[in-house]
PDB file of N, CA and C in Angstrom:
ATOM      1  N   MET A   1     -12.373  -0.573  -4.270  1.00  0.00           N
ATOM      2  CA  MET A   1     -12.587  -0.695  -2.125  1.00  0.00           C
ATOM      3  C   MET A   1     -11.473   0.308  -2.224  1.00  0.00           C
ATOM      4  N   GLY A   2     -11.483   1.582  -1.532  1.00  0.00           N
ATOM      5  CA  GLY A   2     -10.460   2.357  -0.806  1.00  0.00           C
ATOM      6  C   GLY A   2     -10.118   2.726  -1.247  1.00  0.00           C
ATOM      7  N   GLY A   3     -11.862   3.757  -0.902  1.00  0.00           N
ATOM      8  CA  GLY A   3     -12.256   5.541  -0.760  1.00  0.00           C
ATOM      9  C   GLY A   3     -11.194   6.037  -1.788  1.00  0.00           C
ATOM     10  N   GLU A   4     -10.398   7.047  -0.470  1.00  0.00           N
ATOM     11  CA  GLU A   4      -9.514   7.878  -0.478  1.00  0.00           C
ATOM     12  C   GLU A   4      -8.236   7.551  -0.252  1.00  0.00           C
ATOM     13  N   GLY A   5      -7.935   6.142  -0.190  1.00  0.00           N
ATOM     14  CA  GLY A   5      -7.570   5.590  -0.729  1.00  0.00           C
ATOM     15  C   GLY A   5      -6.944   4.821  -1.408  1.00  0.00           C
ATOM     16  N   GLN A   6      -7.424   4.464  -2.206  1.00  0.00           N
ATOM     17  CA  GLN A   6      -7.687   4.240  -3.664  1.00  0.00           C
ATOM     18  C   GLN A   6      -6.393   4.681  -4.841  1.00  0.00           C
ATOM     19  N   PRO A   7      -6.477   6.025  -4.597  1.00  0.00           N
ATOM     20  CA  PRO A   7      -6.019   6.859  -6.127  1.00  0.00           C
ATOM     21  C   PRO A   7      -4.206   5.852  -4.652  1.00  0.00           C
ATOM     22  N   GLN A   8      -4.418   6.736  -3.372  1.00  0.00           N
ATOM     23  CA  GLN A   8      -3.210   6.750  -3.130  1.00  0.00           C
ATOM     24  C   GLN A   8      -2.783   5.097  -3.201  1.00  0.00           C
ATOM     25  N   THR A   9      -2.647   4.105  -2.596  1.00  0.00           N
ATOM     26  CA  THR A   9      -2.531   2.866  -3.304  1.00  0.00           C
ATOM     27  C   THR A   9      -1.822   2.060  -4.074  1.00  0.00           C
ATOM     28  N   GLN A  10      -2.373   2.922  -5.743  1.00  0.00           N
ATOM     29  CA  GLN A  10      -2.746   2.413  -6.645  1.00  0.00           C
ATOM     30  C   GLN A  10      -1.310   3.333  -7.026  1.00  0.00           C
ATOM     31  N   ALA A  11      -0.528   4.203  -6.804  1.00  0.00           N
ATOM     32  CA  ALA A  11       0.509   5.301  -7.281  1.00  0.00           C
ATOM     33  C   ALA A  11       1.287   5.096  -6.213  1.00  0.00           C
ATOM     34  N   ALA A  12       1.164   4.275  -5.352  1.00  0.00           N
ATOM     35  CA  ALA A  12       2.398   3.864  -4.074  1.00  0.00           C
ATOM     36  C   ALA A  12       3.049   2.383  -5.180  1.00  0.00           C
ATOM     37  N   ILE A  13       2.065   1.656  -5.351  1.00  0.00           N
ATOM     38  CA  ILE A  13       2.191   0.053  -5.925  1.00  0.00           C
ATOM     39  C   ILE A  13       3.243   0.426  -7.657  1.00  0.00           C
ATOM     40  N   LEU A  14       2.323   1.494  -8.147  1.00  0.00           N
ATOM     41  CA  LEU A  14       2.901   1.504  -9.484  1.00  0.00           C
ATOM     42  C   LEU A  14       4.184   2.271  -9.317  1.00  0.00           C
ATOM     43  N   SER A  15       4.139   3.505  -8.731  1.00  0.00           N
ATOM     44  CA  SER A  15       6.130   3.786  -8.285  1.00  0.00           C
ATOM     45  C   SER A  15       6.837   3.124  -8.056  1.00  0.00           C
ATOM     46  N   ARG A  16       6.610   2.299  -6.984  1.00  0.00           N
ATOM     47  CA  ARG A  16       7.461   1.047  -6.885  1.00  0.00           C
ATOM     48  C   ARG A  16       7.883   0.364  -7.627  1.00  0.00           C
ATOM     49  N   ALA A  17       6.674  -0.589  -8.380  1.00  0.00           N
ATOM     50  CA  ALA A  17       7.319  -0.861  -9.491  1.00  0.00           C
ATOM     51  C   ALA A  17       7.287  -1.069 -10.923  1.00  0.00           C
ATOM     52  N   ILE A  18       7.513   0.616 -11.632  1.00  0.00           N
ATOM     53  CA  ILE A  18       7.960   1.652 -11.964  1.00  0.00           C
ATOM     54  C   ILE A  18       9.154   1.839 -12.146  1.00  0.00           C
ATOM     55  N   LEU A  19       8.898   2.494 -11.413  1.00  0.00           N
ATOM     56  CA  LEU A  19      10.441   3.841 -11.049  1.00  0.00           C
ATOM     57  C   LEU A  19      11.638   3.210 -10.355  1.00  0.00           C
ATOM     58  N   SER A  20      11.266   2.367  -9.286  1.00  0.00           N
ATOM     59  CA  SER A  20      11.653   2.052  -8.304  1.00  0.00           C
ATOM     60  C   SER A  20      12.816   0.559  -9.144  1.00  0.00           C
ATOM     61  N   GLY A  21      11.651  -0.222 -10.106  1.00  0.00           N
ATOM     62  CA  GLY A  21      11.886  -1.230 -10.133  1.00  0.00           C
ATOM     63  C   GLY A  21      12.048  -1.923  -9.527  1.00  0.00           C
ATOM     64  N   GLN A  22      10.704  -2.032  -8.443  1.00  0.00           N
ATOM     65  CA  GLN A  22       9.981  -3.337  -7.407  1.00  0.00           C
ATOM     66  C   GLN A  22       9.708  -4.774  -8.247  1.00  0.00           C
ATOM     67  N   ASP A  23      10.307  -5.460  -7.878  1.00  0.00           N
ATOM     68  CA  ASP A  23       9.090  -7.035  -8.568  1.00  0.00           C
ATOM     69  C   ASP A  23       7.894  -6.350  -8.024  1.00  0.00           C
ATOM     70  N   ILE A  24       6.661  -6.795  -8.964  1.00  0.00           N
ATOM     71  CA  ILE A  24       5.473  -6.808  -8.882  1.00  0.00           C
ATOM     72  C   ILE A  24       5.339  -7.427  -7.354  1.00  0.00           C
ATOM     73  N   GLY A  25       5.408  -8.397  -6.943  1.00  0.00           N
ATOM     74  CA  GLY A  25       5.105  -9.277  -5.733  1.00  0.00           C
ATOM     75  C   GLY A  25       5.197  -8.264  -4.360  1.00  0.00           C
ATOM     76  N   GLU A  26       6.240  -7.563  -3.980  1.00  0.00           N
ATOM     77  CA  GLU A  26       7.358  -7.223  -3.748  1.00  0.00           C
ATOM     78  C   GLU A  26       6.584  -5.557  -3.233  1.00  0.00           C
ATOM     79  N   ALA A  27       6.195  -4.683  -4.916  1.00  0.00           N
ATOM     80  CA  ALA A  27       5.488  -3.374  -4.582  1.00  0.00           C
ATOM     81  C   ALA A  27       3.602  -3.692  -4.239  1.00  0.00           C
ATOM     82  N   ILE A  28       3.323  -4.309  -4.486  1.00  0.00           N
ATOM     83  CA  ILE A  28       2.033  -4.694  -3.652  1.00  0.00           C
ATOM     84  C   ILE A  28       2.035  -4.988  -2.292  1.00  0.00           C
ATOM     85  N   ASP A  29       3.406  -5.908  -1.447  1.00  0.00           N
ATOM     86  CA  ASP A  29       3.656  -6.506   0.249  1.00  0.00           C
ATOM     87  C   ASP A  29       4.124  -5.448   1.133  1.00  0.00           C
ATOM     88  N   ALA A  30       4.569  -3.909   0.522  1.00  0.00           N
ATOM     89  CA  ALA A  30       5.535  -3.249   1.107  1.00  0.00           C
ATOM     90  C   ALA A  30       4.944  -2.033   1.961  1.00  0.00           C
ATOM     91  N   PRO A  31       5.662  -2.200   2.850  1.00  0.00           N
ATOM     92  CA  PRO A  31       3.934  -1.647   3.791  1.00  0.00           C
ATOM     93  C   PRO A  31       3.817  -0.223   2.773  1.00  0.00           C
ATOM     94  N   ARG A  32       2.098  -0.227   3.581  1.00  0.00           N
ATOM     95  CA  ARG A  32       1.797   1.003   2.936  1.00  0.00           C
ATOM     96  C   ARG A  32       1.178   2.343   4.288  1.00  0.00           C
ATOM     97  N   TRP A  33       0.913   3.912   3.492  1.00  0.00           N
ATOM     98  CA  TRP A  33       0.275   4.577   3.793  1.00  0.00           C
ATOM     99  C   TRP A  33      -1.040   4.989   4.014  1.00  0.00           C
ATOM    100  N   LEU A  34      -1.785   5.299   4.370  1.00  0.00           N
ATOM    101  CA  LEU A  34      -3.657   6.087   3.959  1.00  0.00           C
ATOM    102  C   LEU A  34      -3.210   7.650   4.376  1.00  0.00           C
ATOM    103  N   LEU A  35      -3.428   9.001   3.313  1.00  0.00           N
ATOM    104  CA  LEU A  35      -3.387  10.587   4.556  1.00  0.00           C
ATOM    105  C   LEU A  35      -4.772  10.538   4.024  1.00  0.00           C
ATOM    106  N   GLY A  36      -5.605  10.285   5.367  1.00  0.00           N
ATOM    107  CA  GLY A  36      -7.154  10.940   5.056  1.00  0.00           C
ATOM    108  C   GLY A  36      -8.331  10.401   5.484  1.00  0.00           C
ATOM    109  N   ARG A  37      -9.475  10.861   5.683  1.00  0.00           N
ATOM    110  CA  ARG A  37     -10.543   9.833   6.122  1.00  0.00           C
ATOM    111  C   ARG A  37     -10.945   9.140   5.712  1.00  0.00           C
ATOM    112  N   THR A  38     -10.787   7.364   6.928  1.00  0.00           N
ATOM    113  CA  THR A  38     -12.176   6.170   5.885  1.00  0.00           C
ATOM    114  C   THR A  38     -12.722   5.988   7.199  1.00  0.00           C
ATOM    115  N   TRP A  39     -13.507   5.254   6.457  1.00  0.00           N
ATOM    116  CA  TRP A  39     -14.462   4.622   7.216  1.00  0.00           C
ATOM    117  C   TRP A  39     -15.058   5.258   8.287  1.00  0.00           C
ATOM    118  N   GLY A  40     -16.069   6.452   7.481  1.00  0.00           N
ATOM    119  CA  GLY A  40     -16.643   7.017   8.660  1.00  0.00           C
ATOM    120  C   GLY A  40     -15.620   7.841   9.649  1.00  0.00           C
ATOM    121  N   ASP A  41     -14.043   7.987   9.549  1.00  0.00           N
ATOM    122  CA  ASP A  41     -13.409   8.171  10.125  1.00  0.00           C
ATOM    123  C   ASP A  41     -13.675  10.642  10.035  1.00  0.00           C
ATOM    124  N   GLU A  42     -14.037  11.253  11.264  1.00  0.00           N
ATOM    125  CA  GLU A  42     -14.406  12.672  11.185  1.00  0.00           C
ATOM    126  C   GLU A  42     -12.036  13.550  10.972  1.00  0.00           C
ATOM    127  N   THR A  43     -11.323  12.346  11.125  1.00  0.00           N
ATOM    128  CA  THR A  43      -9.713  12.756  11.020  1.00  0.00           C
ATOM    129  C   THR A  43      -9.457  12.450  10.000  1.00  0.00           C
ATOM    130  N   THR A  44      -8.208  13.414   9.733  1.00  0.00           N
ATOM    131  CA  THR A  44      -7.636  12.778   8.047  1.00  0.00           C
ATOM    132  C   THR A  44      -6.167  12.330   8.834  1.00  0.00           C
ATOM    133  N   ALA A  45      -5.893  12.643   9.617  1.00  0.00           N
ATOM    134  CA  ALA A  45      -4.172  11.451  10.009  1.00  0.00           C
ATOM    135  C   ALA A  45      -3.911  10.595   9.347  1.00  0.00           C
ATOM    136  N   LEU A  46      -2.986  11.137   9.016  1.00  0.00           N
ATOM    137  CA  LEU A  46      -1.882   9.216   8.151  1.00  0.00           C
ATOM    138  C   LEU A  46      -1.225   8.580   9.138  1.00  0.00           C
ATOM    139  N   ARG A  47      -2.561   7.245   8.451  1.00  0.00           N
ATOM    140  CA  ARG A  47      -1.896   5.538   8.940  1.00  0.00           C
ATOM    141  C   ARG A  47      -1.067   5.093   8.307  1.00  0.00           C
ATOM    142  N   LEU A  48       0.064   4.303   9.050  1.00  0.00           N
ATOM    143  CA  LEU A  48       0.907   3.832   8.534  1.00  0.00           C
ATOM    144  C   LEU A  48       1.005   2.379   9.338  1.00  0.00           C
ATOM    145  N   GLU A  49       1.203   1.766   8.413  1.00  0.00           N
ATOM    146  CA  GLU A  49       0.770  -0.551   8.917  1.00  0.00           C
ATOM    147  C   GLU A  49       2.677  -0.822   9.998  1.00  0.00           C
ATOM    148  N   ASN A  50       2.596  -0.839  10.986  1.00  0.00           N
ATOM    149  CA  ASN A  50       3.767  -0.831  12.125  1.00  0.00           C
ATOM    150  C   ASN A  50       5.011  -1.276  11.804  1.00  0.00           C
ATOM    151  N   ARG A  51       5.188  -1.778  10.176  1.00  0.00           N
ATOM    152  CA  ARG A  51       6.291  -2.291   9.527  1.00  0.00           C
ATOM    153  C   ARG A  51       7.104  -0.958   9.413  1.00  0.00           C
ATOM    154  N   PHE A  52       6.739   0.082   9.563  1.00  0.00           N
ATOM    155  CA  PHE A  52       7.663   1.280   8.890  1.00  0.00           C
ATOM    156  C   PHE A  52       8.561   1.315   9.745  1.00  0.00           C
ATOM    157  N   ASP A  53       9.622   1.855   9.551  1.00  0.00           N
ATOM    158  CA  ASP A  53      10.921   2.238  10.439  1.00  0.00           C
ATOM    159  C   ASP A  53      10.169   3.401  11.028  1.00  0.00           C
ATOM    160  N   SER A  54      11.077   3.442  13.253  1.00  0.00           N
ATOM    161  CA  SER A  54       9.762   4.255  14.018  1.00  0.00           C
ATOM    162  C   SER A  54      11.032   5.531  13.560  1.00  0.00           C
ATOM    163  N   ASP A  55      12.109   5.470  12.821  1.00  0.00           N
ATOM    164  CA  ASP A  55      12.827   6.919  13.232  1.00  0.00           C
ATOM    165  C   ASP A  55      12.223   7.965  12.130  1.00  0.00           C
ATOM    166  N   LEU A  56      11.020   6.872  10.774  1.00  0.00           N
ATOM    167  CA  LEU A  56      10.694   7.716   9.376  1.00  0.00           C
ATOM    168  C   LEU A  56       8.662   8.433  10.396  1.00  0.00           C
ATOM    169  N   VAL A  57       8.413   7.233  11.534  1.00  0.00           N
ATOM    170  CA  VAL A  57       7.026   7.442  11.925  1.00  0.00           C
ATOM    171  C   VAL A  57       7.688   8.973  13.013  1.00  0.00           C
ATOM    172  N   ARG A  58       8.566   9.417  13.821  1.00  0.00           N
ATOM    173  CA  ARG A  58       8.797  10.377  14.205  1.00  0.00           C
ATOM    174  C   ARG A  58       9.462  11.342  13.308  1.00  0.00           C
ATOM    175  N   ASP A  59      10.225  11.042  12.469  1.00  0.00           N
ATOM    176  CA  ASP A  59      10.164  12.707  11.819  1.00  0.00           C
ATOM    177  C   ASP A  59       9.019  12.810  10.625  1.00  0.00           C
ATOM    178  N   LEU A  60       8.028  12.587  10.573  1.00  0.00           N
ATOM    179  CA  LEU A  60       7.015  12.936   9.985  1.00  0.00           C
ATOM    180  C   LEU A  60       5.888  13.561  11.454  1.00  0.00           C
ATOM    181  N   GLU A  61       5.756  12.803  12.883  1.00  0.00           N
ATOM    182  CA  GLU A  61       5.479  13.518  13.229  1.00  0.00           C
ATOM    183  C   GLU A  61       5.914  15.272  13.688  1.00  0.00           C
ATOM    184  N   ARG A  62       7.674  14.834  13.648  1.00  0.00           N
ATOM    185  CA  ARG A  62       8.391  16.661  14.181  1.00  0.00           C
ATOM    186  C   ARG A  62       8.323  17.732  12.598  1.00  0.00           C
ATOM    187  N   VAL A  63       7.351  17.014  11.611  1.00  0.00           N
ATOM    188  CA  VAL A  63       7.213  17.616  10.776  1.00  0.00           C
ATOM    189  C   VAL A  63       5.609  18.159  11.180  1.00  0.00           C
ATOM    190  N   GLY A  64       5.433  17.798  11.308  1.00  0.00           N
ATOM    191  CA  GLY A  64       3.375  18.549  11.850  1.00  0.00           C
ATOM    192  C   GLY A  64       2.194  17.132  11.801  1.00  0.00           C
ATOM    193  N   HIS A  65       2.625  16.138  11.328  1.00  0.00           N
ATOM    194  CA  HIS A  65       1.987  14.679  10.637  1.00  0.00           C
ATOM    195  C   HIS A  65       1.210  14.378  12.397  1.00  0.00           C
ATOM    196  N   ARG A  66       0.152  14.659  12.301  1.00  0.00           N
ATOM    197  CA  ARG A  66      -0.536  13.284  13.080  1.00  0.00           C
ATOM    198  C   ARG A  66      -1.061  12.057  12.724  1.00  0.00           C
ATOM    199  N   VAL A  67      -0.238  11.422  13.640  1.00  0.00           N
ATOM    200  CA  VAL A  67      -0.206  10.084  12.340  1.00  0.00           C
ATOM    201  C   VAL A  67      -0.179   8.886  13.962  1.00  0.00           C
ATOM    202  N   VAL A  68      -1.108   7.803  12.945  1.00  0.00           N
ATOM    203  CA  VAL A  68      -2.284   6.444  13.166  1.00  0.00           C
ATOM    204  C   VAL A  68      -0.926   5.201  13.068  1.00  0.00           C
ATOM    205  N   VAL A  69      -0.157   4.583  14.119  1.00  0.00           N
ATOM    206  CA  VAL A  69       0.786   3.196  13.467  1.00  0.00           C
ATOM    207  C   VAL A  69      -0.549   2.843  14.345  1.00  0.00           C
ATOM    208  N   MET A  70      -1.030   2.251  12.918  1.00  0.00           N
ATOM    209  CA  MET A  70      -1.542   0.265  12.306  1.00  0.00           C
ATOM    210  C   MET A  70      -0.845   0.113  13.956  1.00  0.00           C
ATOM    211  N   ASP A  71      -2.279  -1.335  14.184  1.00  0.00           N
ATOM    212  CA  ASP A  71      -1.357  -2.363  15.197  1.00  0.00           C
ATOM    213  C   ASP A  71      -1.365  -3.736  14.602  1.00  0.00           C
ATOM    214  N   GLU A  72      -2.217  -3.122  13.265  1.00  0.00           N
ATOM    215  CA  GLU A  72      -1.795  -4.873  12.000  1.00  0.00           C
ATOM    216  C   GLU A  72      -0.606  -3.904  11.266  1.00  0.00           C
ATOM    217  N   ALA A  73      -0.050  -5.182  11.279  1.00  0.00           N
ATOM    218  CA  ALA A  73       1.841  -5.236   9.862  1.00  0.00           C
ATOM    219  C   ALA A  73       1.044  -5.452   7.852  1.00  0.00           C
ATOM    220  N   TYR A  74      -0.451  -5.592   8.257  1.00  0.00           N
ATOM    221  CA  TYR A  74      -0.714  -5.994   6.851  1.00  0.00           C
ATOM    222  C   TYR A  74      -2.007  -5.709   6.800  1.00  0.00           C
ATOM    223  N   SER A  75      -2.670  -4.217   6.709  1.00  0.00           N
ATOM    224  CA  SER A  75      -3.367  -3.185   7.322  1.00  0.00           C
ATOM    225  C   SER A  75      -4.896  -3.323   6.457  1.00  0.00           C
ATOM    226  N   ASP A  76      -6.608  -4.236   6.610  1.00  0.00           N
ATOM    227  CA  ASP A  76      -7.034  -3.389   6.012  1.00  0.00           C
ATOM    228  C   ASP A  76      -7.944  -2.690   5.515  1.00  0.00           C
ATOM    229  N   THR A  77      -7.337  -2.091   6.183  1.00  0.00           N
ATOM    230  CA  THR A  77      -7.682  -0.959   6.612  1.00  0.00           C
ATOM    231  C   THR A  77      -7.111   0.447   4.561  1.00  0.00           C
ATOM    232  N   MET A  78      -5.603  -0.455   4.308  1.00  0.00           N
ATOM    233  CA  MET A  78      -4.730   0.363   3.458  1.00  0.00           C
ATOM    234  C   MET A  78      -5.765  -0.832   1.782  1.00  0.00           C
ATOM    235  N   GLY A  79      -6.775  -1.945   2.570  1.00  0.00           N
ATOM    236  CA  GLY A  79      -7.494  -1.770   0.268  1.00  0.00           C
ATOM    237  C   GLY A  79      -6.483  -3.269   0.220  1.00  0.00           C
ATOM    238  N   HIS A  80      -7.076  -3.329  -0.705  1.00  0.00           N
ATOM    239  CA  HIS A  80      -6.503  -4.582  -1.340  1.00  0.00           C
ATOM    240  C   HIS A  80      -5.869  -4.237  -2.680  1.00  0.00           C
ATOM    241  N   ALA A  81      -5.075  -5.170  -3.174  1.00  0.00           N
ATOM    242  CA  ALA A  81      -4.411  -5.309  -4.311  1.00  0.00           C
ATOM    243  C   ALA A  81      -4.157  -6.646  -5.427  1.00  0.00           C
ATOM    244  N   ARG A  82      -4.542  -5.848  -6.384  1.00  0.00           N
ATOM    245  CA  ARG A  82      -3.329  -7.211  -7.752  1.00  0.00           C
ATOM    246  C   ARG A  82      -3.064  -7.379  -8.759  1.00  0.00           C
ATOM    247  N   MET A  83      -2.219  -7.568  -9.507  1.00  0.00           N
ATOM    248  CA  MET A  83      -1.731  -6.815 -10.058  1.00  0.00           C
ATOM    249  C   MET A  83      -1.824  -7.672 -11.720  1.00  0.00           C
ATOM    250  N   ILE A  84      -1.350  -8.102 -12.926  1.00  0.00           N
ATOM    251  CA  ILE A  84      -1.071  -9.062 -13.919  1.00  0.00           C
ATOM    252  C   ILE A  84      -0.467  -8.195 -14.897  1.00  0.00           C
ATOM    253  N   VAL A  85      -0.069  -8.434 -14.690  1.00  0.00           N
ATOM    254  CA  VAL A  85       1.326  -6.935 -15.690  1.00  0.00           C
ATOM    255  C   VAL A  85       2.026  -8.357 -17.458  1.00  0.00           C
ATOM    256  N   ARG A  86       2.218  -7.603 -18.099  1.00  0.00           N
ATOM    257  CA  ARG A  86       3.175  -8.914 -19.464  1.00  0.00           C
ATOM    258  C   ARG A  86       4.353  -7.529 -19.311  1.00  0.00           C
ATOM    259  N   ASP A  87       5.445  -8.842 -19.130  1.00  0.00           N
ATOM    260  CA  ASP A  87       7.364  -8.008 -18.875  1.00  0.00           C
ATOM    261  C   ASP A  87       6.877  -7.909 -20.311  1.00  0.00           C
ATOM    262  N   ALA A  88       8.560  -7.415 -20.060  1.00  0.00           N
ATOM    263  CA  ALA A  88       9.072  -6.964 -21.538  1.00  0.00           C
ATOM    264  C   ALA A  88       9.771  -7.253 -22.662  1.00  0.00           C
ATOM    265  N   ALA A  89       8.953  -9.457 -22.242  1.00  0.00           N
ATOM    266  CA  ALA A  89       9.554 -10.569 -23.248  1.00  0.00           C
ATOM    267  C   ALA A  89       8.213 -10.600 -22.956  1.00  0.00           C
ATOM    268  N   GLY A  90       7.232 -10.488 -22.697  1.00  0.00           N
ATOM    269  CA  GLY A  90       5.778 -10.597 -23.331  1.00  0.00           C
ATOM    270  C   GLY A  90       5.058 -11.569 -22.656  1.00  0.00           C
ATOM    271  N   SER A  91       5.260 -11.622 -21.104  1.00  0.00           N
ATOM    272  CA  SER A  91       5.744 -13.024 -20.299  1.00  0.00           C
ATOM    273  C   SER A  91       4.303 -12.369 -19.030  1.00  0.00           C
ATOM    274  N   LEU A  92       3.302 -13.016 -18.612  1.00  0.00           N
ATOM    275  CA  LEU A  92       2.783 -12.357 -17.762  1.00  0.00           C
ATOM    276  C   LEU A  92       2.785 -12.893 -16.257  1.00  0.00           C
ATOM    277  N   LEU A  93       2.737 -12.495 -15.850  1.00  0.00           N
ATOM    278  CA  LEU A  93       3.413 -11.967 -14.376  1.00  0.00           C
ATOM    279  C   LEU A  93       2.048 -11.544 -13.460  1.00  0.00           C
ATOM    280  N   GLU A  94       1.849 -12.050 -12.088  1.00  0.00           N
ATOM    281  CA  GLU A  94       0.690 -11.961 -11.561  1.00  0.00           C
ATOM    282  C   GLU A  94       1.075 -11.970 -10.225  1.00  0.00           C
ATOM    283  N   ALA A  95       0.835 -11.710  -9.350  1.00  0.00           N
ATOM    284  CA  ALA A  95       1.048 -11.313  -7.304  1.00  0.00           C
ATOM    285  C   ALA A  95      -0.429 -10.355  -6.751  1.00  0.00           C
ATOM    286  N   HIS A  96      -1.207 -10.486  -5.811  1.00  0.00           N
ATOM    287  CA  HIS A  96      -1.909 -10.698  -4.793  1.00  0.00           C
ATOM    288  C   HIS A  96      -1.618 -10.599  -3.131  1.00  0.00           C
ATOM    289  N   ASP A  97      -2.300  -9.633  -3.429  1.00  0.00           N
ATOM    290  CA  ASP A  97      -2.126  -8.708  -0.930  1.00  0.00           C
ATOM    291  C   ASP A  97      -2.227  -9.546  -0.460  1.00  0.00           C
ATOM    292  N   LEU A  98      -1.409 -10.190   0.310  1.00  0.00           N
ATOM    293  CA  LEU A  98      -1.787 -10.961   2.045  1.00  0.00           C
ATOM    294  C   LEU A  98      -2.378  -9.954   2.560  1.00  0.00           C
ATOM    295  N   ARG A  99      -3.171  -8.407   2.820  1.00  0.00           N
ATOM    296  CA  ARG A  99      -3.883  -8.526   2.770  1.00  0.00           C
ATOM    297  C   ARG A  99      -5.762  -8.665   2.579  1.00  0.00           C
ATOM    298  N   ALA A 100      -5.331  -9.358   2.319  1.00  0.00           N
ATOM    299  CA  ALA A 100      -7.188  -9.989   1.617  1.00  0.00           C
ATOM    300  C   ALA A 100      -7.129 -11.134   0.823  1.00  0.00           C
ATOM    301  N   ASP A 101      -8.331 -11.935   1.237  1.00  0.00           N
ATOM    302  CA  ASP A 101      -8.375 -12.782   0.371  1.00  0.00           C
ATOM    303  C   ASP A 101      -8.650 -13.176  -1.288  1.00  0.00           C
ATOM    304  N   GLY A 102      -8.546 -14.090  -1.812  1.00  0.00           N
ATOM    305  CA  GLY A 102      -8.177 -13.992  -3.464  1.00  0.00           C
ATOM    306  C   GLY A 102      -7.008 -13.632  -4.057  1.00  0.00           C
ATOM    307  N   GLY A 103      -6.620 -13.422  -4.918  1.00  0.00           N
ATOM    308  CA  GLY A 103      -5.647 -13.895  -5.764  1.00  0.00           C
ATOM    309  C   GLY A 103      -5.314 -13.226  -7.239  1.00  0.00           C
ATOM    310  N   ALA A 104      -4.282 -13.368  -7.594  1.00  0.00           N
ATOM    311  CA  ALA A 104      -4.691 -13.016  -8.966  1.00  0.00           C
ATOM    312  C   ALA A 104      -4.148 -13.981 -10.149  1.00  0.00           C
ATOM    313  N   ALA A 105      -3.551 -14.569 -11.201  1.00  0.00           N
ATOM    314  CA  ALA A 105      -3.848 -15.345 -11.798  1.00  0.00           C
ATOM    315  C   ALA A 105      -3.724 -15.596 -13.705  1.00  0.00           C
ATOM    316  N   VAL A 106      -3.084 -15.870 -14.093  1.00  0.00           N
ATOM    317  CA  VAL A 106      -2.849 -15.862 -15.843  1.00  0.00           C
ATOM    318  C   VAL A 106      -2.985 -17.081 -16.372  1.00  0.00           C
ATOM    319  N   GLY A 107      -4.080 -17.161 -17.176  1.00  0.00           N
ATOM    320  CA  GLY A 107      -4.216 -18.633 -17.613  1.00  0.00           C
ATOM    321  C   GLY A 107      -3.422 -18.483 -18.588  1.00  0.00           C
TER     322      GLY A 107
END
């Protein structure tokens, strides 16, 4: 699930986890954005979950983005994520998204 947002969500989660060192649960839980058309929408607005700082929203608008702040803190529009990774010690870690039902589980 995700259309144009799928690669954006995957890149954001992996960047947060790998480059920023966030726990995978934190990386999945963090506020999301989506640039592009969704669910038949004709516009390519930058959609943000409402947990982003209002100063950031104003800065994005100031530099020319058409920003739409979603009503939800965890919007289904942003897709769903689950992740299982093996850490440096060889243990499996799992995390899943509050934006959807389901989960991730290691055996």
